[in-house]
Amino acid sequence: MAISGNIVTMGNLTATGAYLRVSDITTKKIIDTTSDNNGKWQLVYGVACYVSADERASDRPVPLVAPTVDRFKVITDDEPSDPYAVAYANLKTQSTVANASDLV
């Protein structure tokens, strides 16, 4: 699973049609009685970025450095049954990822 999208890399360069893959996910239940999010679920995910799917599949892939799409957090009422699906759906809505589309 991956998406394609336009992102801005470090150095303010635009990578058009970059290959974006959720690289790691953590989920936890929020236990904080002083927070409005008490009892909700937090999903944090990282994103690995490459210039293309071919680059990612190469013997020595070189990732793009793109701090604007490095890590995101999602708060949900229920524990996600498919955290990766939630992460990819959220990634496609991020303002730092333009023209996002699913890759097969």
N, C-alpha and C. Protein backbone atom coordinates (compact mmCIF):
# COMPACT_ATOMS: atom_id res chain seq x y z
N MET A 1 0.85 -1.16 0.00
CA MET A 1 0.00 0.00 0.00
C MET A 1 0.90 1.24 0.00
N ALA A 2 0.56 2.22 -0.80
CA ALA A 2 1.30 3.47 -0.89
C ALA A 2 0.43 4.48 -1.62
N ILE A 3 0.84 5.74 -1.56
CA ILE A 3 0.15 6.77 -2.34
C ILE A 3 1.19 7.58 -3.10
N SER A 4 0.72 8.27 -4.10
CA SER A 4 1.52 9.19 -4.87
C SER A 4 1.00 10.58 -4.58
N GLY A 5 1.92 11.54 -4.48
CA GLY A 5 1.49 12.91 -4.23
C GLY A 5 2.63 13.88 -4.43
N ASN A 6 2.29 15.15 -4.50
CA ASN A 6 3.29 16.20 -4.62
C ASN A 6 3.62 16.72 -3.23
N ILE A 7 4.91 16.75 -2.91
CA ILE A 7 5.35 17.21 -1.60
C ILE A 7 6.49 18.20 -1.76
N VAL A 8 6.75 18.95 -0.71
CA VAL A 8 7.89 19.86 -0.68
C VAL A 8 8.95 19.23 0.20
N THR A 9 10.16 19.11 -0.34
CA THR A 9 11.27 18.51 0.38
C THR A 9 12.06 19.57 1.13
N MET A 10 13.02 19.11 1.94
CA MET A 10 13.92 20.04 2.58
C MET A 10 14.65 20.79 1.46
N GLY A 11 14.84 22.06 1.63
CA GLY A 11 15.44 22.85 0.57
C GLY A 11 14.37 23.50 -0.30
N ASN A 12 13.10 23.28 0.06
CA ASN A 12 11.96 23.88 -0.61
C ASN A 12 11.82 23.46 -2.08
N LEU A 13 12.20 22.22 -2.39
CA LEU A 13 12.03 21.67 -3.73
C LEU A 13 10.75 20.85 -3.77
N THR A 14 10.02 20.92 -4.87
CA THR A 14 8.79 20.15 -5.01
C THR A 14 9.08 18.82 -5.69
N ALA A 15 8.65 17.75 -5.06
CA ALA A 15 8.75 16.41 -5.65
C ALA A 15 7.35 16.06 -6.17
N THR A 16 7.20 16.07 -7.48
CA THR A 16 5.91 15.79 -8.11
C THR A 16 5.73 14.29 -8.29
N GLY A 17 4.61 13.78 -7.84
CA GLY A 17 4.34 12.34 -7.96
C GLY A 17 5.24 11.49 -7.09
N ALA A 18 5.62 12.01 -5.93
CA ALA A 18 6.48 11.25 -5.01
C ALA A 18 5.75 10.01 -4.50
N TYR A 19 6.54 8.99 -4.18
CA TYR A 19 6.02 7.73 -3.63
C TYR A 19 6.04 7.86 -2.11
N LEU A 20 4.87 7.76 -1.48
CA LEU A 20 4.74 7.94 -0.04
C LEU A 20 4.21 6.67 0.59
N ARG A 21 4.91 6.22 1.61
CA ARG A 21 4.54 4.96 2.25
C ARG A 21 4.53 5.15 3.77
N VAL A 22 3.46 4.73 4.41
CA VAL A 22 3.41 4.77 5.87
C VAL A 22 4.47 3.80 6.38
N SER A 23 5.39 4.33 7.18
CA SER A 23 6.54 3.51 7.56
C SER A 23 6.42 2.89 8.95
N ASP A 24 5.70 3.51 9.83
CA ASP A 24 5.52 2.93 11.16
C ASP A 24 4.29 3.56 11.81
N ILE A 25 3.65 2.79 12.65
CA ILE A 25 2.42 3.25 13.32
C ILE A 25 2.47 2.85 14.79
N THR A 26 2.01 3.75 15.61
CA THR A 26 1.77 3.40 17.02
C THR A 26 0.35 3.86 17.37
N THR A 27 -0.34 3.05 18.15
CA THR A 27 -1.66 3.44 18.64
C THR A 27 -1.66 3.31 20.16
N LYS A 28 -2.39 4.19 20.78
CA LYS A 28 -2.53 4.09 22.24
C LYS A 28 -3.82 4.78 22.66
N LYS A 29 -4.35 4.29 23.76
CA LYS A 29 -5.54 4.91 24.33
C LYS A 29 -5.09 6.06 25.21
N ILE A 30 -5.74 7.20 25.06
CA ILE A 30 -5.38 8.39 25.82
C ILE A 30 -6.03 8.31 27.20
N ILE A 31 -5.19 8.34 28.22
CA ILE A 31 -5.66 8.34 29.60
C ILE A 31 -5.17 9.64 30.24
N ASP A 32 -6.04 10.64 30.24
CA ASP A 32 -5.69 11.96 30.79
C ASP A 32 -7.00 12.66 31.12
N THR A 33 -7.38 12.60 32.38
CA THR A 33 -8.68 13.15 32.79
C THR A 33 -8.77 14.66 32.61
N THR A 34 -7.64 15.34 32.41
CA THR A 34 -7.66 16.79 32.20
C THR A 34 -7.77 17.15 30.72
N SER A 35 -7.80 16.15 29.84
CA SER A 35 -7.84 16.38 28.40
C SER A 35 -9.22 16.11 27.83
N ASP A 36 -9.59 16.87 26.80
CA ASP A 36 -10.83 16.61 26.08
C ASP A 36 -10.76 15.29 25.33
N ASN A 37 -9.55 14.77 25.13
CA ASN A 37 -9.35 13.52 24.39
C ASN A 37 -9.27 12.30 25.29
N ASN A 38 -9.54 12.45 26.58
CA ASN A 38 -9.49 11.32 27.50
C ASN A 38 -10.40 10.20 27.01
N GLY A 39 -9.85 8.99 26.94
CA GLY A 39 -10.61 7.83 26.51
C GLY A 39 -10.63 7.61 25.01
N LYS A 40 -10.09 8.55 24.26
CA LYS A 40 -10.03 8.39 22.80
C LYS A 40 -8.73 7.67 22.44
N TRP A 41 -8.56 7.40 21.15
CA TRP A 41 -7.38 6.69 20.65
C TRP A 41 -6.52 7.63 19.83
N GLN A 42 -5.22 7.52 20.04
CA GLN A 42 -4.25 8.31 19.28
C GLN A 42 -3.45 7.38 18.38
N LEU A 43 -3.40 7.72 17.12
CA LEU A 43 -2.62 6.97 16.14
C LEU A 43 -1.55 7.93 15.60
N VAL A 44 -0.29 7.55 15.73
CA VAL A 44 0.82 8.35 15.22
C VAL A 44 1.52 7.52 14.15
N TYR A 45 1.78 8.14 13.00
CA TYR A 45 2.44 7.40 11.92
C TYR A 45 3.51 8.24 11.25
N GLY A 46 4.52 7.55 10.75
CA GLY A 46 5.59 8.18 10.00
C GLY A 46 5.39 7.90 8.52
N VAL A 47 6.03 8.72 7.70
CA VAL A 47 5.91 8.57 6.25
C VAL A 47 7.30 8.52 5.62
N ALA A 48 7.55 7.47 4.86
CA ALA A 48 8.79 7.37 4.09
C ALA A 48 8.49 7.91 2.69
N CYS A 49 9.35 8.78 2.19
CA CYS A 49 9.13 9.45 0.90
C CYS A 49 10.26 9.11 -0.07
N TYR A 50 9.88 8.82 -1.30
CA TYR A 50 10.85 8.51 -2.35
C TYR A 50 10.43 9.25 -3.61
N VAL A 51 11.36 9.51 -4.49
CA VAL A 51 11.06 10.23 -5.72
C VAL A 51 10.08 9.45 -6.61
N SER A 52 10.09 8.12 -6.50
CA SER A 52 9.19 7.29 -7.31
C SER A 52 9.10 5.89 -6.72
N ALA A 53 8.14 5.11 -7.20
CA ALA A 53 8.02 3.71 -6.79
C ALA A 53 9.24 2.92 -7.25
N ASP A 54 9.75 3.25 -8.43
CA ASP A 54 10.95 2.56 -8.94
C ASP A 54 12.14 2.80 -8.02
N GLU A 55 12.28 4.02 -7.52
CA GLU A 55 13.38 4.32 -6.60
C GLU A 55 13.23 3.51 -5.32
N ARG A 56 12.01 3.42 -4.81
CA ARG A 56 11.77 2.66 -3.58
C ARG A 56 12.11 1.19 -3.79
N ALA A 57 11.86 0.67 -4.97
CA ALA A 57 12.10 -0.75 -5.26
C ALA A 57 13.54 -1.04 -5.66
N SER A 58 14.36 -0.01 -5.80
CA SER A 58 15.74 -0.22 -6.23
C SER A 58 16.56 -0.91 -5.14
N ASP A 59 17.74 -1.38 -5.52
CA ASP A 59 18.61 -2.08 -4.57
C ASP A 59 19.04 -1.20 -3.40
N ARG A 60 19.23 0.08 -3.67
CA ARG A 60 19.68 1.02 -2.64
C ARG A 60 18.82 2.28 -2.69
N PRO A 61 17.57 2.18 -2.25
CA PRO A 61 16.68 3.34 -2.34
C PRO A 61 17.16 4.51 -1.49
N VAL A 62 17.06 5.70 -2.04
CA VAL A 62 17.43 6.92 -1.33
C VAL A 62 16.15 7.68 -0.98
N PRO A 63 15.85 7.79 0.31
CA PRO A 63 14.62 8.49 0.68
C PRO A 63 14.77 10.01 0.52
N LEU A 64 13.64 10.65 0.28
CA LEU A 64 13.61 12.11 0.27
C LEU A 64 13.48 12.60 1.70
N VAL A 65 14.09 13.72 2.00
CA VAL A 65 13.93 14.35 3.31
C VAL A 65 12.85 15.41 3.16
N ALA A 66 11.72 15.16 3.80
CA ALA A 66 10.56 16.04 3.67
C ALA A 66 9.91 16.23 5.04
N PRO A 67 10.43 17.15 5.84
CA PRO A 67 9.90 17.33 7.20
C PRO A 67 8.41 17.65 7.27
N THR A 68 7.85 18.21 6.21
CA THR A 68 6.42 18.57 6.25
C THR A 68 5.50 17.35 6.16
N VAL A 69 6.05 16.19 5.79
CA VAL A 69 5.24 14.97 5.73
C VAL A 69 5.88 13.84 6.52
N ASP A 70 6.72 14.19 7.48
CA ASP A 70 7.48 13.19 8.23
C ASP A 70 6.61 12.39 9.20
N ARG A 71 5.73 13.04 9.94
CA ARG A 71 4.98 12.37 11.00
C ARG A 71 3.66 13.09 11.22
N PHE A 72 2.60 12.28 11.43
CA PHE A 72 1.27 12.83 11.66
C PHE A 72 0.59 12.11 12.83
N LYS A 73 -0.41 12.78 13.39
CA LYS A 73 -1.16 12.22 14.52
C LYS A 73 -2.65 12.32 14.20
N VAL A 74 -3.38 11.25 14.54
CA VAL A 74 -4.83 11.19 14.34
C VAL A 74 -5.46 10.80 15.67
N ILE A 75 -6.51 11.50 16.05
CA ILE A 75 -7.28 11.16 17.25
C ILE A 75 -8.63 10.61 16.80
N THR A 76 -8.99 9.42 17.31
CA THR A 76 -10.27 8.80 16.96
C THR A 76 -11.02 8.40 18.22
N ASP A 77 -12.33 8.29 18.10
CA ASP A 77 -13.15 7.88 19.25
C ASP A 77 -12.97 6.40 19.57
N ASP A 78 -12.81 5.58 18.53
CA ASP A 78 -12.71 4.14 18.71
C ASP A 78 -11.33 3.64 18.30
N GLU A 79 -10.93 2.51 18.83
CA GLU A 79 -9.66 1.91 18.44
C GLU A 79 -9.73 1.54 16.95
N PRO A 80 -8.76 1.99 16.15
CA PRO A 80 -8.81 1.67 14.72
C PRO A 80 -8.65 0.17 14.48
N SER A 81 -9.58 -0.43 13.72
CA SER A 81 -9.47 -1.85 13.41
C SER A 81 -8.40 -2.10 12.35
N ASP A 82 -8.15 -1.11 11.50
CA ASP A 82 -7.09 -1.19 10.49
C ASP A 82 -6.30 0.12 10.53
N PRO A 83 -5.28 0.19 11.41
CA PRO A 83 -4.52 1.43 11.57
C PRO A 83 -3.89 1.94 10.28
N TYR A 84 -3.43 1.03 9.42
CA TYR A 84 -2.81 1.47 8.16
C TYR A 84 -3.83 2.15 7.25
N ALA A 85 -5.04 1.62 7.19
CA ALA A 85 -6.09 2.25 6.37
C ALA A 85 -6.40 3.64 6.89
N VAL A 86 -6.47 3.79 8.21
CA VAL A 86 -6.72 5.10 8.82
C VAL A 86 -5.58 6.05 8.48
N ALA A 87 -4.34 5.57 8.60
CA ALA A 87 -3.17 6.41 8.32
C ALA A 87 -3.16 6.87 6.86
N TYR A 88 -3.37 5.95 5.92
CA TYR A 88 -3.37 6.33 4.50
C TYR A 88 -4.52 7.29 4.17
N ALA A 89 -5.69 7.05 4.73
CA ALA A 89 -6.82 7.96 4.50
C ALA A 89 -6.49 9.35 5.04
N ASN A 90 -5.87 9.41 6.19
CA ASN A 90 -5.49 10.70 6.77
C ASN A 90 -4.40 11.38 5.96
N LEU A 91 -3.41 10.61 5.52
CA LEU A 91 -2.30 11.17 4.74
C LEU A 91 -2.82 11.85 3.47
N LYS A 92 -3.82 11.25 2.83
CA LYS A 92 -4.37 11.83 1.61
C LYS A 92 -5.09 13.16 1.85
N THR A 93 -5.45 13.44 3.10
CA THR A 93 -6.15 14.70 3.41
C THR A 93 -5.21 15.80 3.87
N GLN A 94 -3.95 15.50 4.05
CA GLN A 94 -3.01 16.48 4.58
C GLN A 94 -2.75 17.59 3.56
N SER A 95 -2.72 18.83 4.03
CA SER A 95 -2.48 19.96 3.14
C SER A 95 -1.07 19.96 2.57
N THR A 96 -0.16 19.23 3.18
CA THR A 96 1.23 19.16 2.71
C THR A 96 1.43 18.11 1.63
N VAL A 97 0.37 17.37 1.28
CA VAL A 97 0.42 16.38 0.20
C VAL A 97 -0.63 16.78 -0.84
N ALA A 98 -0.17 17.27 -1.98
CA ALA A 98 -1.09 17.71 -3.04
C ALA A 98 -1.29 16.59 -4.06
N ASN A 99 -2.48 16.54 -4.64
CA ASN A 99 -2.81 15.57 -5.69
C ASN A 99 -2.55 14.13 -5.25
N ALA A 100 -2.93 13.80 -4.04
CA ALA A 100 -2.69 12.45 -3.50
C ALA A 100 -3.61 11.44 -4.17
N SER A 101 -3.03 10.29 -4.51
CA SER A 101 -3.84 9.20 -5.09
C SER A 101 -3.24 7.86 -4.68
N ASP A 102 -4.11 6.85 -4.59
CA ASP A 102 -3.68 5.51 -4.22
C ASP A 102 -2.83 4.89 -5.33
N LEU A 103 -1.84 4.12 -4.91
CA LEU A 103 -1.05 3.32 -5.84
C LEU A 103 -1.37 1.86 -5.59
N VAL A 104 -1.39 1.07 -6.63
CA VAL A 104 -1.71 -0.34 -6.51
C VAL A 104 -0.43 -1.13 -6.45
